[in-house]
């Protein structure tokens, strides 16, 4: 799934949908790939000022998903161009 398909799926998510996100985690110089899954609590597109020395009218956004993991933990994940989002079947 490409980035455009991931964004299309992101915009169609509703609270209660189960999803799995494959993404890259970076801490300092360390990088690893991981999978985070859970139930969507909410999605948001937030304006950020993450970049230094940009033109004053440049707009930078982060697409975020608030997930409730199976153990009850709440976590926020941010999509980037390397993220792969999948919708999972509902569990009963």
Protein backbone atom coordinates (compact mmCIF):
# COMPACT_ATOMS: atom_id res chain seq x y z
CA UNK A 1 0.00 0.00 0.00
CA UNK A 2 1.40 3.38 -0.98
CA UNK A 3 1.28 6.65 0.94
CA UNK A 4 -1.78 7.94 -0.94
CA UNK A 5 -3.75 4.77 -0.14
CA UNK A 6 -2.68 5.04 3.51
CA UNK A 7 -3.92 8.65 3.65
CA UNK A 8 -7.22 7.69 2.00
CA UNK A 9 -7.73 4.98 4.62
CA UNK A 10 -6.69 7.39 7.40
CA UNK A 11 -9.35 9.92 6.36
CA UNK A 12 -12.04 7.21 6.27
CA UNK A 13 -11.36 5.92 9.81
CA UNK A 14 -14.10 6.10 12.42
CA UNK A 15 -13.90 5.58 16.20
CA UNK A 16 -14.23 1.86 16.87
CA UNK A 17 -12.35 0.74 13.73
CA UNK A 18 -9.54 -1.75 14.40
CA UNK A 19 -6.28 -0.92 12.63
CA UNK A 20 -2.67 -2.05 12.35
CA UNK A 21 0.08 0.43 11.58
CA UNK A 22 3.55 -0.58 10.41
CA UNK A 23 5.89 2.32 11.07
CA UNK A 24 9.46 3.33 11.80
CA UNK A 25 10.50 4.51 15.26
CA UNK A 26 13.53 6.79 15.65
CA UNK A 27 15.21 7.64 18.93
CA UNK A 28 18.51 9.45 18.59
CA UNK A 29 20.59 7.50 16.09
CA UNK A 30 18.62 4.27 16.59
CA UNK A 31 15.86 3.26 14.17
CA UNK A 32 13.62 0.21 14.11
CA UNK A 33 10.41 -0.94 12.45
CA UNK A 34 7.43 -1.89 14.57
CA UNK A 35 3.74 -2.70 14.32
CA UNK A 36 1.12 -0.98 16.49
CA UNK A 37 -2.47 -2.18 16.52
CA UNK A 38 -5.60 -1.20 18.37
CA UNK A 39 -9.01 0.41 18.21
CA UNK A 40 -9.32 3.93 16.83
CA UNK A 41 -10.40 6.45 19.48
CA UNK A 42 -9.94 9.42 17.14
CA UNK A 43 -7.95 10.87 14.27
CA UNK A 44 -6.58 14.37 13.88
CA UNK A 45 -4.63 16.52 11.42
CA UNK A 46 -2.59 18.97 13.48
CA UNK A 47 -0.64 21.99 12.33
CA UNK A 48 2.99 21.80 13.45
CA UNK A 49 6.07 23.95 13.41
CA UNK A 50 8.46 21.01 13.24
CA UNK A 51 10.91 22.51 10.80
CA UNK A 52 13.52 25.16 11.43
CA UNK A 53 14.00 28.17 9.17
CA UNK A 54 10.98 27.61 6.91
CA UNK A 55 9.12 30.29 5.03
CA UNK A 56 6.55 31.92 7.33
CA UNK A 57 3.59 30.78 5.23
CA UNK A 58 4.64 27.12 4.86
CA UNK A 59 2.11 24.80 6.42
CA UNK A 60 3.32 21.58 8.07
CA UNK A 61 0.76 19.04 9.28
CA UNK A 62 0.91 15.77 11.19
CA UNK A 63 -1.76 13.10 10.72
CA UNK A 64 -2.24 11.34 14.07
CA UNK A 65 -4.32 8.42 15.29
CA UNK A 66 -5.25 7.94 18.94
CA UNK A 67 -5.47 4.19 19.54
CA UNK A 68 -6.65 2.09 22.44
CA UNK A 69 -4.47 -0.99 22.49
CA UNK A 70 -5.82 -4.40 23.51
CA UNK A 71 -4.36 -4.01 27.02
CA UNK A 72 -6.25 -0.71 27.50
CA UNK A 73 -3.23 1.55 26.95
CA UNK A 74 -3.87 4.73 24.95
CA UNK A 75 -1.19 5.62 22.42
CA UNK A 76 -0.84 8.22 19.69
CA UNK A 77 0.85 7.33 16.41
CA UNK A 78 1.82 9.77 13.69
CA UNK A 79 1.71 8.77 10.03
CA UNK A 80 4.56 9.56 7.68
CA UNK A 81 5.33 8.63 4.10
CA UNK A 82 6.81 5.29 5.22
CA UNK A 83 3.81 4.19 7.34
CA UNK A 84 1.52 1.40 6.19
CA UNK A 85 -2.00 1.41 7.62
CA UNK A 86 -4.34 -1.59 7.47
CA UNK A 87 -7.92 -1.90 8.64
CA UNK A 88 -8.48 -5.10 10.63
CA UNK A 89 -11.68 -7.14 10.90
CA UNK A 90 -13.74 -6.28 13.96
CA UNK A 91 -13.26 -8.60 16.93
CA UNK A 92 -16.32 -9.78 18.83
